[in-house]
Amino acid sequence: MNVFAFDIETIPDVEAGRRLHNLEGLSDKDVASVMFHQRRQETGDSDFLRLHLHRIVAISAVFRSRDSFKVWSLGDPDSGEAELIQRFFDGIEKYTPTLVSWNGGGFDLPVLHYRALRHGIVARRYWETGDEDNNFRWNNYLSRYHSRHTDLMDVLAAYQARANAPLDDVATLLGLPGKMGMSGAKVWDSYLAGNIAGIRNYCETDVLNTYLVYLRFELIRGRLTHEAYARECQLVRDYLAQSDQTHLREFLTAWSQSQIT
């Protein structure tokens, strides 16, 4: 079975902000400031924008197939948003993997939906619900309670929003590194500073945490034995140890120093 754990990083869609709020002539930074301010007025405290007002700047993934394991960010640092989204859905079209996320049902996938709509990205396999392939009738990517997309946060909380937990907390409790060097709240500032590489690196460590939590989930539901779980974790360690990417080797070091049994 192919497993595709993923995570996205986003910034304000300042183009949408200009259109919706008549902000022509303002810089990207100023448009975003207005968007954040208006959102705080709506919510009373949070400036986290509505999902249709996000733009994707990074999509990172862990891909585990029968014969391989890989961690990477889709496209190149200078790839446009449409290319990143197209690559994401092309992977689903080619491999029909099990998607794994943390809050993917509540954030990542809806954002991908809106942005695919914006760019006209065709993704027939992803949107299939059984009309053309009967295998998708009872297990597709769109249903909250199907496993073709496993939103770990949602499943572990028994689909109760009041029981949701942050990935950073859960990863740390499992002896994983958790957040390393950045958070989603810092992505916009990093983008303005031109640090796309840093955003992609952060996204990759986040998706590693997600995948490793998924392995633990596979253990507790009996899909992996303790021996198989240990082998899968070792596969990840070996991959990270052989990597020439500093952030991946730092993840391995932090994992070795914090891991529990």
Protein backbone atom coordinates (compact mmCIF):
# COMPACT_ATOMS: atom_id res chain seq x y z
CA MET A 1 0.00 0.00 0.00
CA ASN A 2 1.18 3.52 -0.80
CA VAL A 3 1.06 6.05 2.04
CA PHE A 4 1.33 9.77 1.35
CA ALA A 5 1.57 11.94 4.47
CA PHE A 6 1.39 15.63 3.65
CA ASP A 7 1.40 19.11 5.11
CA ILE A 8 0.99 22.57 3.59
CA GLU A 9 2.22 26.02 4.55
CA THR A 10 0.26 29.10 3.58
CA ILE A 11 0.42 32.88 3.47
CA PRO A 12 -2.35 35.47 3.04
CA ASP A 13 -3.77 35.60 -0.48
CA VAL A 14 -3.08 39.29 -0.89
CA GLU A 15 -4.47 39.27 -4.43
CA ALA A 16 -7.82 38.19 -3.01
CA GLY A 17 -7.47 40.75 -0.24
CA ARG A 18 -7.07 43.54 -2.79
CA ARG A 19 -10.12 42.41 -4.75
CA LEU A 20 -12.40 41.84 -1.79
CA HIS A 21 -11.46 44.94 0.21
CA ASN A 22 -10.62 47.44 -2.57
CA LEU A 23 -7.00 47.76 -1.50
CA GLU A 24 -5.37 48.49 -4.85
CA GLY A 25 -2.14 50.43 -4.48
CA LEU A 26 -1.12 48.94 -1.14
CA SER A 27 1.92 46.72 -0.78
CA ASP A 28 1.53 43.00 -0.09
CA LYS A 29 2.59 43.56 3.51
CA ASP A 30 0.05 46.33 4.03
CA VAL A 31 -2.75 44.35 2.37
CA ALA A 32 -2.02 41.42 4.67
CA SER A 33 -2.03 43.74 7.68
CA VAL A 34 -5.51 44.95 6.72
CA MET A 35 -6.69 41.36 6.26
CA PHE A 36 -5.33 40.36 9.67
CA HIS A 37 -6.89 43.43 11.30
CA GLN A 38 -10.30 42.75 9.80
CA ARG A 39 -10.11 39.13 10.89
CA ARG A 40 -9.32 40.16 14.48
CA GLN A 41 -12.36 42.41 14.40
CA GLU A 42 -14.48 39.46 13.26
CA THR A 43 -13.21 37.00 15.86
CA GLY A 44 -12.33 39.29 18.76
CA ASP A 45 -8.76 38.01 19.07
CA SER A 46 -7.52 35.64 16.33
CA ASP A 47 -6.10 36.88 13.04
CA PHE A 48 -6.14 33.41 11.47
CA LEU A 49 -7.69 34.04 8.07
CA ARG A 50 -10.67 32.19 6.65
CA LEU A 51 -9.51 29.25 4.60
CA HIS A 52 -10.43 30.67 1.19
CA LEU A 53 -8.04 33.57 1.85
CA HIS A 54 -4.89 31.43 2.14
CA ARG A 55 -2.32 30.89 -0.59
CA ILE A 56 -0.10 27.81 -0.58
CA VAL A 57 3.66 28.33 -0.64
CA ALA A 58 4.83 24.83 0.32
CA ILE A 59 3.55 21.28 0.20
CA SER A 60 5.76 18.68 1.86
CA ALA A 61 5.29 14.95 1.89
CA VAL A 62 6.44 11.59 3.15
CA PHE A 63 5.86 8.83 0.62
CA ARG A 64 6.09 5.21 1.73
CA SER A 65 5.59 2.49 -0.81
CA ARG A 66 6.44 -1.17 -0.55
CA ASP A 67 9.96 -0.56 -1.84
CA SER A 68 10.83 3.00 -0.86
CA PHE A 69 10.64 5.88 1.62
CA LYS A 70 11.06 9.55 0.76
CA VAL A 71 10.69 12.98 2.39
CA TRP A 72 10.58 16.06 0.18
CA SER A 73 8.80 19.27 -0.77
CA LEU A 74 6.90 19.33 -4.03
CA GLY A 75 8.31 21.44 -6.84
CA ASP A 76 11.20 23.86 -6.44
CA PRO A 77 11.54 26.89 -4.16
CA ASP A 78 10.50 29.12 -7.06
CA SER A 79 7.59 26.95 -8.22
CA GLY A 80 4.26 28.73 -8.46
CA GLU A 81 1.25 27.73 -6.40
CA ALA A 82 -0.55 26.11 -9.34
CA GLU A 83 2.44 23.83 -10.01
CA LEU A 84 2.61 22.71 -6.38
CA ILE A 85 -1.09 21.87 -6.32
CA GLN A 86 -0.93 20.12 -9.69
CA ARG A 87 1.95 17.95 -8.46
CA PHE A 88 -0.02 17.05 -5.32
CA PHE A 89 -3.05 15.85 -7.24
CA ASP A 90 -0.90 14.21 -9.94
CA GLY A 91 0.59 12.02 -7.21
CA ILE A 92 -2.88 10.93 -6.14
CA GLU A 93 -3.80 10.25 -9.76
CA LYS A 94 -0.71 8.08 -10.27
CA TYR A 95 -0.48 6.14 -7.00
CA THR A 96 -3.95 6.33 -5.37
CA PRO A 97 -2.23 6.47 -1.96
CA THR A 98 -3.67 6.59 1.52
CA LEU A 99 -3.45 10.28 2.43
CA VAL A 100 -2.31 11.00 5.99
CA SER A 101 -2.53 14.39 7.66
CA TRP A 102 -2.89 16.22 10.93
CA ASN A 103 -6.02 18.37 10.65
CA GLY A 104 -6.00 17.85 6.90
CA GLY A 105 -9.78 17.61 6.87
CA GLY A 106 -10.13 20.87 8.76
CA PHE A 107 -7.44 22.90 7.02
CA ASP A 108 -5.07 21.45 4.41
CA LEU A 109 -7.60 19.82 2.10
CA PRO A 110 -10.19 22.63 2.14
CA VAL A 111 -7.41 25.09 1.31
CA LEU A 112 -6.26 22.81 -1.50
CA HIS A 113 -9.85 22.66 -2.74
CA TYR A 114 -10.20 26.44 -2.90
CA ARG A 115 -6.82 26.90 -4.53
CA ALA A 116 -7.45 24.13 -7.07
CA LEU A 117 -10.72 25.91 -7.86
CA ARG A 118 -8.79 29.14 -8.27
CA HIS A 119 -6.30 27.62 -10.72
CA GLY A 120 -8.58 25.15 -12.48
CA ILE A 121 -6.64 22.07 -11.38
CA VAL A 122 -8.19 18.82 -12.63
CA ALA A 123 -8.03 15.92 -10.12
CA ARG A 124 -10.47 13.21 -11.18
CA ARG A 125 -9.13 10.48 -8.90
CA TYR A 126 -9.22 12.68 -5.84
CA TRP A 127 -12.84 13.75 -6.39
CA GLU A 128 -14.06 10.23 -7.25
CA THR A 129 -16.85 9.02 -4.95
CA GLY A 130 -17.94 5.86 -6.74
CA ASP A 131 -19.72 7.11 -9.84
CA GLU A 132 -16.97 5.79 -12.14
CA ASP A 133 -14.99 3.51 -9.79
CA ASN A 134 -17.13 1.48 -7.41
CA ASN A 135 -14.12 0.93 -5.09
CA PHE A 136 -14.48 4.57 -4.07
CA ARG A 137 -18.13 4.34 -3.09
CA TRP A 138 -17.39 3.20 0.46
CA ASN A 139 -13.83 4.50 0.77
CA ASN A 140 -12.91 7.79 -0.87
CA TYR A 141 -10.83 10.87 -0.12
CA LEU A 142 -13.76 13.16 0.67
CA SER A 143 -15.73 11.35 3.36
CA ARG A 144 -14.74 12.26 6.91
CA TYR A 145 -15.18 8.69 8.12
CA HIS A 146 -13.35 6.89 5.30
CA SER A 147 -9.72 5.83 5.59
CA ARG A 148 -8.46 6.74 2.13
CA HIS A 149 -7.69 10.03 3.83
CA THR A 150 -6.72 9.53 7.47
CA ASP A 151 -6.84 12.80 9.40
CA LEU A 152 -5.00 11.71 12.53
CA MET A 153 -6.13 14.64 14.64
CA ASP A 154 -9.76 13.97 13.81
CA VAL A 155 -9.57 10.20 14.26
CA LEU A 156 -7.64 10.28 17.54
CA ALA A 157 -10.11 12.83 18.93
CA ALA A 158 -12.97 10.43 18.04
CA TYR A 159 -14.28 13.16 15.71
CA GLN A 160 -14.93 15.45 18.70
CA ALA A 161 -13.56 18.97 18.20
CA ARG A 162 -13.25 19.50 21.97
CA ALA A 163 -10.82 16.57 22.09
CA ASN A 164 -8.48 17.86 19.37
CA ALA A 165 -4.80 18.11 20.26
CA PRO A 166 -1.92 20.02 18.64
CA LEU A 167 0.52 17.95 16.61
CA ASP A 168 3.44 19.48 18.51
CA ASP A 169 2.06 18.24 21.85
CA VAL A 170 1.28 14.74 20.62
CA ALA A 171 4.64 14.38 18.88
CA THR A 172 6.47 15.54 21.99
CA LEU A 173 4.53 13.10 24.18
CA LEU A 174 5.64 10.30 21.84
CA GLY A 175 9.29 11.29 22.07
CA LEU A 176 9.37 12.95 18.65
CA PRO A 177 11.00 16.32 17.95
CA GLY A 178 7.78 18.28 17.39
CA LYS A 179 8.10 21.83 16.07
CA MET A 180 11.61 22.76 15.06
CA GLY A 181 12.68 26.37 14.56
CA MET A 182 9.43 27.78 13.19
CA SER A 183 5.66 27.69 13.50
CA GLY A 184 2.81 28.39 11.13
CA ALA A 185 2.46 31.85 12.64
CA LYS A 186 5.97 32.76 11.45
CA VAL A 187 5.57 31.64 7.86
CA TRP A 188 4.35 35.02 6.55
CA ASP A 189 7.32 36.87 8.04
CA SER A 190 9.68 34.23 6.67
CA TYR A 191 8.07 34.57 3.24
CA LEU A 192 8.47 38.35 3.29
CA ALA A 193 12.13 37.85 4.20
CA GLY A 194 12.55 35.58 1.17
CA ASN A 195 13.15 32.48 3.26
CA ILE A 196 11.22 29.98 1.13
CA ALA A 197 13.82 27.30 1.81
CA GLY A 198 13.28 27.69 5.55
CA ILE A 199 9.51 27.34 5.11
CA ARG A 200 9.94 24.18 3.04
CA ASN A 201 12.36 22.73 5.59
CA TYR A 202 9.93 23.45 8.42
CA CYS A 203 7.10 21.86 6.48
CA GLU A 204 9.19 18.72 5.93
CA THR A 205 9.90 18.30 9.65
CA ASP A 206 6.21 18.78 10.39
CA VAL A 207 5.24 16.05 7.94
CA LEU A 208 7.87 13.75 9.46
CA ASN A 209 6.19 14.20 12.84
CA THR A 210 2.84 13.43 11.22
CA TYR A 211 4.10 10.27 9.56
CA LEU A 212 5.75 8.97 12.73
CA VAL A 213 2.54 9.55 14.68
CA TYR A 214 0.77 7.61 11.93
CA LEU A 215 3.13 4.66 12.43
CA ARG A 216 2.22 4.68 16.12
CA PHE A 217 -1.45 4.78 15.15
CA GLU A 218 -0.95 1.79 12.86
CA LEU A 219 0.60 0.00 15.85
CA ILE A 220 -2.27 0.64 18.25
CA ARG A 221 -4.89 -0.46 15.75
CA GLY A 222 -3.04 -3.69 15.05
CA ARG A 223 -1.97 -2.94 11.49
CA LEU A 224 1.69 -3.14 12.57
CA THR A 225 3.24 -5.53 15.07
CA HIS A 226 5.74 -4.12 17.53
CA GLU A 227 8.52 -5.65 15.43
CA ALA A 228 7.16 -4.16 12.20
CA TYR A 229 6.71 -0.78 13.89
CA ALA A 230 10.36 -0.84 15.02
CA ARG A 231 11.47 -1.71 11.48
CA GLU A 232 9.45 1.16 9.99
CA CYS A 233 10.94 3.63 12.47
CA GLN A 234 14.42 2.34 11.70
CA LEU A 235 13.77 2.82 8.00
CA VAL A 236 13.04 6.49 8.68
CA ARG A 237 16.14 6.84 10.85
CA ASP A 238 18.33 5.29 8.16
CA TYR A 239 16.91 7.61 5.53
CA LEU A 240 17.53 10.69 7.68
CA ALA A 241 21.05 9.54 8.59
CA GLN A 242 21.93 9.24 4.91
CA SER A 243 20.45 12.61 3.98
CA ASP A 244 22.66 15.57 3.06
CA GLN A 245 19.92 17.96 4.25
CA THR A 246 20.86 19.69 7.51
CA HIS A 247 17.29 20.04 8.79
CA LEU A 248 16.63 16.32 8.31
CA ARG A 249 19.78 15.33 10.16
CA GLU A 250 18.86 17.78 12.93
CA PHE A 251 15.45 16.11 13.14
CA LEU A 252 17.17 12.75 13.57
CA THR A 253 19.42 14.12 16.31
CA ALA A 254 16.47 15.65 18.17
CA TRP A 255 14.52 12.41 17.79
CA SER A 256 17.41 10.35 19.18
CA GLN A 257 17.71 12.65 22.17
CA SER A 258 13.99 12.76 23.02
CA GLN A 259 12.62 9.36 22.06
CA ILE A 260 10.73 7.24 24.56
CA THR A 261 9.59 3.63 24.39
